[in-house]
C-alpha cells in the first residue's frame, strides 16, 4: 500500500509542478512574441519608405548584383555536382578510368 500512496502523491505533485512550469514558460514566450514586430509589419515599413507606389522595387544595380551572385552560386553547385558525379562514376562507388572501359 505504501508504494501506491507514493505513486499517487508523486503523480499529483508532478502534475502540479508541470502545470506551474508550463504556465510560466507559456507566459514568457507569449510576452516575447507580442514584443517582436511581425514580418508583415517589417515589409510594410519597407514598402512605405519606397514612396507612393507601395511596392518595393530594387534598383538596377541591386538586381544585377543579385543576379551575379546567383550565377556564382549556380556555378559552384554545378562544379560540386560534377565532382560528385566524377567520384561516384559507377554504381559501386569506384570511378572508371578510360582504360578500363576498353
PDB file of N, CA and C in Angstrom:
ATOM      1  N   UNK A   1       0.810  -1.199   0.000  1.00  0.00           N
ATOM      2  CA  UNK A   1       0.000   0.000   0.000  1.00  0.00           C
ATOM      3  C   UNK A   1       0.848   1.255   0.000  1.00  0.00           C
ATOM      4  N   UNK A   2       1.999   1.184   0.608  1.00  0.00           N
ATOM      5  CA  UNK A   2       2.867   2.337   0.717  1.00  0.00           C
ATOM      6  C   UNK A   2       3.317   2.796  -0.664  1.00  0.00           C
ATOM      7  N   UNK A   3       3.591   1.848  -1.567  1.00  0.00           N
ATOM      8  CA  UNK A   3       4.028   2.208  -2.910  1.00  0.00           C
ATOM      9  C   UNK A   3       2.908   2.886  -3.687  1.00  0.00           C
ATOM     10  N   UNK A   4       1.688   2.459  -3.493  1.00  0.00           N
ATOM     11  CA  UNK A   4       0.566   3.086  -4.184  1.00  0.00           C
ATOM     12  C   UNK A   4       0.365   4.513  -3.689  1.00  0.00           C
ATOM     13  N   UNK A   5       0.551   4.753  -2.422  1.00  0.00           N
ATOM     14  CA  UNK A   5       0.419   6.105  -1.890  1.00  0.00           C
ATOM     15  C   UNK A   5       1.533   7.000  -2.427  1.00  0.00           C
ATOM     16  N   UNK A   6       2.743   6.439  -2.521  1.00  0.00           N
ATOM     17  CA  UNK A   6       3.861   7.215  -3.064  1.00  0.00           C
ATOM     18  C   UNK A   6       3.629   7.541  -4.540  1.00  0.00           C
ATOM     19  N   UNK A   7       3.106   6.576  -5.278  1.00  0.00           N
ATOM     20  CA  UNK A   7       2.826   6.827  -6.690  1.00  0.00           C
ATOM     21  C   UNK A   7       1.762   7.913  -6.839  1.00  0.00           C
ATOM     22  N   UNK A   8       0.705   7.826  -6.079  1.00  0.00           N
ATOM     23  CA  UNK A   8      -0.377   8.807  -6.179  1.00  0.00           C
ATOM     24  C   UNK A   8       0.077  10.195  -5.789  1.00  0.00           C
ATOM     25  N   UNK A   9       0.840  10.311  -4.726  1.00  0.00           N
ATOM     26  CA  UNK A   9       1.307  11.643  -4.323  1.00  0.00           C
ATOM     27  C   UNK A   9       2.348  12.167  -5.305  1.00  0.00           C
ATOM     28  N   UNK A  10       3.191  11.292  -5.849  1.00  0.00           N
ATOM     29  CA  UNK A  10       4.175  11.715  -6.858  1.00  0.00           C
ATOM     30  C   UNK A  10       3.505  12.175  -8.133  1.00  0.00           C
ATOM     31  N   UNK A  11       2.475  11.445  -8.519  1.00  0.00           N
ATOM     32  CA  UNK A  11       1.726  11.823  -9.715  1.00  0.00           C
ATOM     33  C   UNK A  11       1.065  13.187  -9.532  1.00  0.00           C
ATOM     34  N   UNK A  12       0.461  13.394  -8.380  1.00  0.00           N
ATOM     35  CA  UNK A  12      -0.197  14.664  -8.085  1.00  0.00           C
ATOM     36  C   UNK A  12       0.814  15.805  -8.029  1.00  0.00           C
ATOM     37  N   UNK A  13       1.944  15.578  -7.366  1.00  0.00           N
ATOM     38  CA  UNK A  13       2.986  16.601  -7.296  1.00  0.00           C
ATOM     39  C   UNK A  13       3.537  16.905  -8.693  1.00  0.00           C
ATOM     40  N   UNK A  14       3.737  15.883  -9.521  1.00  0.00           N
ATOM     41  CA  UNK A  14       4.255  16.070 -10.882  1.00  0.00           C
ATOM     42  C   UNK A  14       3.318  16.883 -11.751  1.00  0.00           C
ATOM     43  N   UNK A  15       2.030  16.632 -11.632  1.00  0.00           N
ATOM     44  CA  UNK A  15       1.076  17.404 -12.439  1.00  0.00           C
ATOM     45  C   UNK A  15       1.031  18.858 -11.992  1.00  0.00           C
ATOM     46  N   UNK A  16       1.074  19.079 -10.686  1.00  0.00           N
ATOM     47  CA  UNK A  16       1.086  20.465 -10.193  1.00  0.00           C
ATOM     48  C   UNK A  16       2.357  21.186 -10.616  1.00  0.00           C
ATOM     49  N   UNK A  17       3.490  20.537 -10.438  1.00  0.00           N
ATOM     50  CA  UNK A  17       4.768  21.144 -10.818  1.00  0.00           C
ATOM     51  C   UNK A  17       4.817  21.409 -12.326  1.00  0.00           C
ATOM     52  N   UNK A  18       4.390  20.452 -13.137  1.00  0.00           N
ATOM     53  CA  UNK A  18       4.374  20.628 -14.588  1.00  0.00           C
ATOM     54  C   UNK A  18       3.435  21.741 -15.020  1.00  0.00           C
ATOM     55  N   UNK A  19       2.303  21.862 -14.353  1.00  0.00           N
ATOM     56  CA  UNK A  19       1.373  22.937 -14.685  1.00  0.00           C
ATOM     57  C   UNK A  19       1.940  24.296 -14.383  1.00  0.00           C
ATOM     58  N   UNK A  20       2.623  24.429 -13.235  1.00  0.00           N
ATOM     59  CA  UNK A  20       3.218  25.718 -12.861  1.00  0.00           C
ATOM     60  C   UNK A  20       4.340  26.082 -13.826  1.00  0.00           C
ATOM     61  N   UNK A  21       5.239  25.131 -14.100  1.00  0.00           N
ATOM     62  CA  UNK A  21       6.351  25.401 -15.019  1.00  0.00           C
ATOM     63  C   UNK A  21       5.820  25.708 -16.422  1.00  0.00           C
ATOM     64  N   UNK A  22       4.849  24.959 -16.883  1.00  0.00           N
ATOM     65  CA  UNK A  22       4.266  25.216 -18.206  1.00  0.00           C
ATOM     66  C   UNK A  22       3.604  26.585 -18.289  1.00  0.00           C
ATOM     67  N   UNK A  23       2.925  26.984 -17.226  1.00  0.00           N
ATOM     68  CA  UNK A  23       2.304  28.310 -17.212  1.00  0.00           C
ATOM     69  C   UNK A  23       3.325  29.424 -17.266  1.00  0.00           C
ATOM     70  N   UNK A  24       4.423  29.266 -16.534  1.00  0.00           N
ATOM     71  CA  UNK A  24       5.471  30.293 -16.540  1.00  0.00           C
ATOM     72  C   UNK A  24       6.140  30.372 -17.907  1.00  0.00           C
ATOM     73  N   UNK A  25       6.488  29.224 -18.471  1.00  0.00           N
ATOM     74  CA  UNK A  25       7.126  29.212 -19.796  1.00  0.00           C
ATOM     75  C   UNK A  25       6.180  29.788 -20.845  1.00  0.00           C
ATOM     76  N   UNK A  26       4.913  29.440 -20.789  1.00  0.00           N
ATOM     77  CA  UNK A  26       3.944  29.974 -21.742  1.00  0.00           C
ATOM     78  C   UNK A  26       3.802  31.478 -21.645  1.00  0.00           C
ATOM     79  N   UNK A  27       3.801  32.005 -20.432  1.00  0.00           N
ATOM     80  CA  UNK A  27       3.688  33.453 -20.255  1.00  0.00           C
ATOM     81  C   UNK A  27       4.917  34.178 -20.789  1.00  0.00           C
ATOM     82  N   UNK A  28       6.105  33.614 -20.568  1.00  0.00           N
ATOM     83  CA  UNK A  28       7.343  34.235 -21.058  1.00  0.00           C
ATOM     84  C   UNK A  28       7.375  34.232 -22.581  1.00  0.00           C
ATOM     85  N   UNK A  29       7.043  33.109 -23.181  1.00  0.00           N
ATOM     86  CA  UNK A  29       7.056  33.013 -24.646  1.00  0.00           C
ATOM     87  C   UNK A  29       6.019  33.957 -25.253  1.00  0.00           C
ATOM     88  N   UNK A  30       4.849  34.024 -24.667  1.00  0.00           N
ATOM     89  CA  UNK A  30       3.804  34.900 -25.195  1.00  0.00           C
ATOM     90  C   UNK A  30       4.213  36.363 -25.106  1.00  0.00           C
ATOM     91  N   UNK A  31       4.871  36.751 -24.044  1.00  0.00           N
ATOM     92  CA  UNK A  31       5.285  38.153 -23.918  1.00  0.00           C
ATOM     93  C   UNK A  31       6.363  38.495 -24.934  1.00  0.00           C
ATOM     94  N   UNK A  32       7.253  37.543 -25.223  1.00  0.00           N
ATOM     95  CA  UNK A  32       8.290  37.804 -26.230  1.00  0.00           C
ATOM     96  C   UNK A  32       7.697  37.894 -27.624  1.00  0.00           C
ATOM     97  N   UNK A  33       6.722  37.064 -27.900  1.00  0.00           N
ATOM     98  CA  UNK A  33       6.094  37.080 -29.222  1.00  0.00           C
ATOM     99  C   UNK A  33       5.356  38.398 -29.438  1.00  0.00           C
ATOM    100  N   UNK A  34       4.710  38.885 -28.418  1.00  0.00           N
ATOM    101  CA  UNK A  34       3.962  40.133 -28.553  1.00  0.00           C
ATOM    102  C   UNK A  34       4.885  41.339 -28.682  1.00  0.00           C
ATOM    103  N   UNK A  35       6.089  41.264 -28.109  1.00  0.00           N
ATOM    104  CA  UNK A  35       7.021  42.391 -28.190  1.00  0.00           C
ATOM    105  C   UNK A  35       7.668  42.514 -29.557  1.00  0.00           C
ATOM    106  N   UNK A  36       7.927  41.384 -30.260  1.00  0.00           N
ATOM    107  CA  UNK A  36       8.596  41.412 -31.548  1.00  0.00           C
ATOM    108  C   UNK A  36       7.613  41.826 -32.643  1.00  0.00           C
ATOM    109  N   UNK A  37       8.060  42.725 -33.561  1.00  0.00           N
ATOM    110  CA  UNK A  37       7.166  43.082 -34.665  1.00  0.00           C
ATOM    111  C   UNK A  37       7.022  41.918 -35.629  1.00  0.00           C
ATOM    112  N   UNK A  38       5.870  41.795 -36.189  1.00  0.00           N
ATOM    113  CA  UNK A  38       5.609  40.724 -37.145  1.00  0.00           C
ATOM    114  C   UNK A  38       6.354  40.995 -38.442  1.00  0.00           C
ATOM    115  N   UNK A  39       6.607  39.935 -39.229  1.00  0.00           N
ATOM    116  CA  UNK A  39       7.287  40.103 -40.505  1.00  0.00           C
ATOM    117  C   UNK A  39       6.479  40.990 -41.437  1.00  0.00           C
ATOM    118  N   UNK A  40       5.185  40.882 -41.368  1.00  0.00           N
ATOM    119  CA  UNK A  40       4.338  41.692 -42.235  1.00  0.00           C
ATOM    120  C   UNK A  40       4.535  43.170 -41.939  1.00  0.00           C
ATOM    121  N   UNK A  41       4.714  43.521 -40.659  1.00  0.00           N
ATOM    122  CA  UNK A  41       4.956  44.900 -40.298  1.00  0.00           C
ATOM    123  C   UNK A  41       6.281  45.381 -40.857  1.00  0.00           C
ATOM    124  N   UNK A  42       7.304  44.528 -40.825  1.00  0.00           N
ATOM    125  CA  UNK A  42       8.606  44.906 -41.344  1.00  0.00           C
ATOM    126  C   UNK A  42       8.524  45.150 -42.845  1.00  0.00           C
ATOM    127  N   UNK A  43       7.771  44.315 -43.567  1.00  0.00           N
ATOM    128  CA  UNK A  43       7.631  44.514 -45.000  1.00  0.00           C
ATOM    129  C   UNK A  43       6.814  45.768 -45.302  1.00  0.00           C
ATOM    130  N   UNK A  44       5.820  46.041 -44.509  1.00  0.00           N
ATOM    131  CA  UNK A  44       5.022  47.227 -44.768  1.00  0.00           C
ATOM    132  C   UNK A  44       5.831  48.489 -44.503  1.00  0.00           C
ATOM    133  N   UNK A  45       6.761  48.439 -43.543  1.00  0.00           N
ATOM    134  CA  UNK A  45       7.632  49.585 -43.314  1.00  0.00           C
ATOM    135  C   UNK A  45       8.542  49.805 -44.504  1.00  0.00           C
ATOM    136  N   UNK A  46       9.073  48.734 -45.088  1.00  0.00           N
ATOM    137  CA  UNK A  46       9.933  48.859 -46.261  1.00  0.00           C
ATOM    138  C   UNK A  46       9.134  49.412 -47.436  1.00  0.00           C
ATOM    139  N   UNK A  47       7.898  48.989 -47.568  1.00  0.00           N
ATOM    140  CA  UNK A  47       7.064  49.479 -48.656  1.00  0.00           C
ATOM    141  C   UNK A  47       6.763  50.960 -48.489  1.00  0.00           C
ATOM    142  N   UNK A  48       6.519  51.409 -47.286  1.00  0.00           N
ATOM    143  CA  UNK A  48       6.198  52.808 -47.048  1.00  0.00           C
ATOM    144  C   UNK A  48       7.379  53.709 -47.363  1.00  0.00           C
ATOM    145  N   UNK A  49       8.579  53.237 -47.203  1.00  0.00           N
ATOM    146  CA  UNK A  49       9.757  54.049 -47.443  1.00  0.00           C
ATOM    147  C   UNK A  49      10.038  54.212 -48.927  1.00  0.00           C
ATOM    148  N   UNK A  50       9.482  53.390 -49.763  1.00  0.00           N
ATOM    149  CA  UNK A  50       9.763  53.429 -51.184  1.00  0.00           C
ATOM    150  C   UNK A  50       8.998  54.532 -51.912  1.00  0.00           C
ATOM    151  N   UNK A  51       7.981  55.046 -51.331  1.00  0.00           N
ATOM    152  CA  UNK A  51       7.255  56.115 -51.989  1.00  0.00           C
ATOM    153  C   UNK A  51       5.803  55.780 -52.186  1.00  0.00           C
ATOM    154  N   UNK A  52       5.198  56.418 -53.172  1.00  0.00           N
ATOM    155  CA  UNK A  52       3.767  56.297 -53.383  1.00  0.00           C
ATOM    156  C   UNK A  52       3.350  54.975 -54.020  1.00  0.00           C
ATOM    157  N   UNK A  53       4.271  54.291 -54.691  1.00  0.00           N
ATOM    158  CA  UNK A  53       3.891  53.064 -55.397  1.00  0.00           C
ATOM    159  C   UNK A  53       3.461  51.976 -54.433  1.00  0.00           C
ATOM    160  N   UNK A  54       4.042  51.953 -53.240  1.00  0.00           N
ATOM    161  CA  UNK A  54       3.657  50.949 -52.254  1.00  0.00           C
ATOM    162  C   UNK A  54       4.299  49.603 -52.483  1.00  0.00           C
ATOM    163  N   UNK A  55       5.126  49.460 -53.525  1.00  0.00           N
ATOM    164  CA  UNK A  55       5.800  48.204 -53.806  1.00  0.00           C
ATOM    165  C   UNK A  55       7.306  48.418 -53.750  1.00  0.00           C
ATOM    166  N   UNK A  56       8.006  47.466 -53.198  1.00  0.00           N
ATOM    167  CA  UNK A  56       9.462  47.549 -53.112  1.00  0.00           C
ATOM    168  C   UNK A  56      10.036  47.176 -54.462  1.00  0.00           C
ATOM    169  N   UNK A  57      10.762  48.082 -55.087  1.00  0.00           N
ATOM    170  CA  UNK A  57      11.383  47.792 -56.375  1.00  0.00           C
ATOM    171  C   UNK A  57      12.874  48.088 -56.261  1.00  0.00           C
ATOM    172  N   UNK A  58      13.704  47.051 -56.319  1.00  0.00           N
ATOM    173  CA  UNK A  58      15.141  47.265 -56.205  1.00  0.00           C
ATOM    174  C   UNK A  58      15.683  47.985 -57.428  1.00  0.00           C
ATOM    175  N   UNK A  59      16.797  48.674 -57.233  1.00  0.00           N
ATOM    176  CA  UNK A  59      17.406  49.392 -58.351  1.00  0.00           C
ATOM    177  C   UNK A  59      18.042  48.398 -59.317  1.00  0.00           C
ATOM    178  N   UNK A  60      18.416  48.880 -60.469  1.00  0.00           N
ATOM    179  CA  UNK A  60      19.048  48.029 -61.486  1.00  0.00           C
ATOM    180  C   UNK A  60      20.368  47.467 -60.972  1.00  0.00           C
ATOM    181  N   UNK A  61      21.126  48.278 -60.225  1.00  0.00           N
ATOM    182  CA  UNK A  61      22.401  47.810 -59.692  1.00  0.00           C
ATOM    183  C   UNK A  61      22.198  46.665 -58.698  1.00  0.00           C
ATOM    184  N   UNK A  62      21.185  46.787 -57.847  1.00  0.00           N
ATOM    185  CA  UNK A  62      20.908  45.736 -56.875  1.00  0.00           C
ATOM    186  C   UNK A  62      20.484  44.452 -57.568  1.00  0.00           C
ATOM    187  N   UNK A  63      19.671  44.586 -58.622  1.00  0.00           N
ATOM    188  CA  UNK A  63      19.232  43.408 -59.362  1.00  0.00           C
ATOM    189  C   UNK A  63      20.409  42.734 -60.060  1.00  0.00           C
ATOM    190  N   UNK A  64      21.307  43.525 -60.639  1.00  0.00           N
ATOM    191  CA  UNK A  64      22.477  42.980 -61.320  1.00  0.00           C
ATOM    192  C   UNK A  64      23.401  42.284 -60.324  1.00  0.00           C
ATOM    193  N   UNK A  65      23.587  42.890 -59.154  1.00  0.00           N
ATOM    194  CA  UNK A  65      24.420  42.295 -58.113  1.00  0.00           C
ATOM    195  C   UNK A  65      23.829  40.967 -57.652  1.00  0.00           C
ATOM    196  N   UNK A  66      22.528  40.915 -57.453  1.00  0.00           N
ATOM    197  CA  UNK A  66      21.865  39.683 -57.037  1.00  0.00           C
ATOM    198  C   UNK A  66      21.968  38.616 -58.126  1.00  0.00           C
ATOM    199  N   UNK A  67      21.811  39.026 -59.389  1.00  0.00           N
ATOM    200  CA  UNK A  67      21.896  38.078 -60.496  1.00  0.00           C
ATOM    201  C   UNK A  67      23.287  37.469 -60.584  1.00  0.00           C
ATOM    202  N   UNK A  68      24.316  38.300 -60.443  1.00  0.00           N
ATOM    203  CA  UNK A  68      25.693  37.785 -60.495  1.00  0.00           C
ATOM    204  C   UNK A  68      25.970  36.844 -59.326  1.00  0.00           C
ATOM    205  N   UNK A  69      25.459  37.191 -58.173  1.00  0.00           N
ATOM    206  CA  UNK A  69      25.633  36.323 -57.012  1.00  0.00           C
ATOM    207  C   UNK A  69      24.981  34.966 -57.227  1.00  0.00           C
ATOM    208  N   UNK A  70      23.778  34.977 -57.802  1.00  0.00           N
ATOM    209  CA  UNK A  70      23.089  33.718 -58.089  1.00  0.00           C
ATOM    210  C   UNK A  70      23.826  32.907 -59.144  1.00  0.00           C
ATOM    211  N   UNK A  71      24.364  33.573 -60.162  1.00  0.00           N
ATOM    212  CA  UNK A  71      25.119  32.859 -61.181  1.00  0.00           C
ATOM    213  C   UNK A  71      26.358  32.209 -60.583  1.00  0.00           C
ATOM    214  N   UNK A  72      27.039  32.908 -59.663  1.00  0.00           N
ATOM    215  CA  UNK A  72      28.210  32.333 -58.994  1.00  0.00           C
ATOM    216  C   UNK A  72      27.821  31.105 -58.174  1.00  0.00           C
ATOM    217  N   UNK A  73      26.722  31.190 -57.453  1.00  0.00           N
ATOM    218  CA  UNK A  73      26.271  30.054 -56.647  1.00  0.00           C
ATOM    219  C   UNK A  73      25.892  28.870 -57.538  1.00  0.00           C
ATOM    220  N   UNK A  74      25.233  29.133 -58.649  1.00  0.00           N
ATOM    221  CA  UNK A  74      24.868  28.060 -59.578  1.00  0.00           C
ATOM    222  C   UNK A  74      26.123  27.401 -60.142  1.00  0.00           C
ATOM    223  N   UNK A  75      27.146  28.200 -60.470  1.00  0.00           N
ATOM    224  CA  UNK A  75      28.401  27.638 -60.975  1.00  0.00           C
ATOM    225  C   UNK A  75      29.069  26.772 -59.912  1.00  0.00           C
ATOM    226  N   UNK A  76      29.048  27.212 -58.654  1.00  0.00           N
ATOM    227  CA  UNK A  76      29.618  26.409 -57.570  1.00  0.00           C
ATOM    228  C   UNK A  76      28.863  25.092 -57.410  1.00  0.00           C
ATOM    229  N   UNK A  77      27.535  25.147 -57.464  1.00  0.00           N
ATOM    230  CA  UNK A  77      26.739  23.930 -57.350  1.00  0.00           C
ATOM    231  C   UNK A  77      27.004  22.975 -58.507  1.00  0.00           C
ATOM    232  N   UNK A  78      27.090  23.509 -59.717  1.00  0.00           N
ATOM    233  CA  UNK A  78      27.375  22.658 -60.871  1.00  0.00           C
ATOM    234  C   UNK A  78      28.739  22.002 -60.741  1.00  0.00           C
ATOM    235  N   UNK A  79      29.710  22.745 -60.247  1.00  0.00           N
ATOM    236  CA  UNK A  79      31.042  22.192 -60.041  1.00  0.00           C
ATOM    237  C   UNK A  79      31.019  21.084 -58.999  1.00  0.00           C
ATOM    238  N   UNK A  80      30.298  21.298 -57.913  1.00  0.00           N
ATOM    239  CA  UNK A  80      30.192  20.276 -56.866  1.00  0.00           C
ATOM    240  C   UNK A  80      29.481  19.031 -57.392  1.00  0.00           C
ATOM    241  N   UNK A  81      28.442  19.220 -58.185  1.00  0.00           N
ATOM    242  CA  UNK A  81      27.709  18.088 -58.767  1.00  0.00           C
ATOM    243  C   UNK A  81      28.616  17.303 -59.709  1.00  0.00           C
ATOM    244  N   UNK A  82      29.386  18.009 -60.542  1.00  0.00           N
ATOM    245  CA  UNK A  82      30.301  17.329 -61.451  1.00  0.00           C
ATOM    246  C   UNK A  82      31.368  16.550 -60.680  1.00  0.00           C
ATOM    247  N   UNK A  83      31.860  17.128 -59.595  1.00  0.00           N
ATOM    248  CA  UNK A  83      32.866  16.462 -58.770  1.00  0.00           C
ATOM    249  C   UNK A  83      32.304  15.177 -58.167  1.00  0.00           C
ATOM    250  N   UNK A  84      31.114  15.253 -57.613  1.00  0.00           N
ATOM    251  CA  UNK A  84      30.489  14.066 -57.027  1.00  0.00           C
ATOM    252  C   UNK A  84      30.194  13.030 -58.095  1.00  0.00           C
ATOM    253  N   UNK A  85      29.713  13.479 -59.236  1.00  0.00           N
ATOM    254  CA  UNK A  85      29.427  12.560 -60.337  1.00  0.00           C
ATOM    255  C   UNK A  85      30.697  11.845 -60.792  1.00  0.00           C
ATOM    256  N   UNK A  86      31.809  12.596 -60.832  1.00  0.00           N
ATOM    257  CA  UNK A  86      33.086  12.003 -61.235  1.00  0.00           C
ATOM    258  C   UNK A  86      33.558  10.993 -60.189  1.00  0.00           C
ATOM    259  N   UNK A  87      33.398  11.306 -58.906  1.00  0.00           N
ATOM    260  CA  UNK A  87      33.836  10.393 -57.848  1.00  0.00           C
ATOM    261  C   UNK A  87      32.996   9.120 -57.806  1.00  0.00           C
ATOM    262  N   UNK A  88      31.706   9.248 -58.065  1.00  0.00           N
ATOM    263  CA  UNK A  88      30.813   8.102 -57.978  1.00  0.00           C
ATOM    264  C   UNK A  88      30.737   7.299 -59.268  1.00  0.00           C
ATOM    265  N   UNK A  89      31.335   7.778 -60.307  1.00  0.00           N
ATOM    266  CA  UNK A  89      31.375   7.177 -61.630  1.00  0.00           C
ATOM    267  C   UNK A  89      30.547   5.936 -61.880  1.00  0.00           C
ATOM    268  N   UNK A  90      30.666   4.908 -61.063  1.00  0.00           N
ATOM    269  CA  UNK A  90      29.915   3.671 -61.252  1.00  0.00           C
ATOM    270  C   UNK A  90      28.998   3.453 -60.059  1.00  0.00           C
ATOM    271  N   UNK A  91      28.045   2.553 -60.207  1.00  0.00           N
ATOM    272  CA  UNK A  91      27.116   2.309 -59.096  1.00  0.00           C
ATOM    273  C   UNK A  91      27.788   1.823 -57.815  1.00  0.00           C
ATOM    274  N   UNK A  92      28.957   1.150 -57.907  1.00  0.00           N
ATOM    275  CA  UNK A  92      29.606   0.666 -56.692  1.00  0.00           C
ATOM    276  C   UNK A  92      30.509   1.709 -56.054  1.00  0.00           C
ATOM    277  N   UNK A  93      30.567   2.898 -56.604  1.00  0.00           N
ATOM    278  CA  UNK A  93      31.299   3.995 -55.979  1.00  0.00           C
ATOM    279  C   UNK A  93      32.732   4.137 -56.440  1.00  0.00           C
ATOM    280  N   UNK A  94      33.204   3.286 -57.364  1.00  0.00           N
ATOM    281  CA  UNK A  94      34.568   3.407 -57.861  1.00  0.00           C
ATOM    282  C   UNK A  94      34.534   4.014 -59.249  1.00  0.00           C
ATOM    283  N   UNK A  95      35.288   5.076 -59.418  1.00  0.00           N
ATOM    284  CA  UNK A  95      35.297   5.770 -60.699  1.00  0.00           C
ATOM    285  C   UNK A  95      36.008   4.899 -61.737  1.00  0.00           C
ATOM    286  N   UNK A  96      35.501   4.935 -62.965  1.00  0.00           N
ATOM    287  CA  UNK A  96      36.105   4.186 -64.044  1.00  0.00           C
ATOM    288  C   UNK A  96      37.114   5.084 -64.751  1.00  0.00           C
ATOM    289  N   UNK A  97      38.218   4.528 -65.139  1.00  0.00           N
ATOM    290  CA  UNK A  97      39.141   5.273 -65.971  1.00  0.00           C
ATOM    291  C   UNK A  97      38.834   4.919 -67.430  1.00  0.00           C
ATOM    292  N   UNK A  98      39.360   5.689 -68.351  1.00  0.00           N
ATOM    293  CA  UNK A  98      39.076   5.447 -69.765  1.00  0.00           C
ATOM    294  C   UNK A  98      39.721   4.151 -70.218  1.00  0.00           C
ATOM    295  N   UNK A  99      40.817   3.712 -69.562  1.00  0.00           N
ATOM    296  CA  UNK A  99      41.481   2.470 -69.945  1.00  0.00           C
ATOM    297  C   UNK A  99      40.636   1.255 -69.568  1.00  0.00           C
ATOM    298  N   UNK A 100      39.873   1.321 -68.446  1.00  0.00           N
ATOM    299  CA  UNK A 100      39.061   0.208 -68.010  1.00  0.00           C
ATOM    300  C   UNK A 100      37.891  -0.050 -68.933  1.00  0.00           C
ATOM    301  N   UNK A 101      37.411   0.987 -69.610  1.00  0.00           N
ATOM    302  CA  UNK A 101      36.233   0.866 -70.442  1.00  0.00           C
ATOM    303  C   UNK A 101      36.545   0.027 -71.682  1.00  0.00           C
ATOM    304  N   UNK A 102      37.741   0.174 -72.253  1.00  0.00           N
ATOM    305  CA  UNK A 102      38.113  -0.552 -73.477  1.00  0.00           C
ATOM    306  C   UNK A 102      38.298  -1.969 -73.221  1.00  0.00           C
TER     307      UNK A 102
END
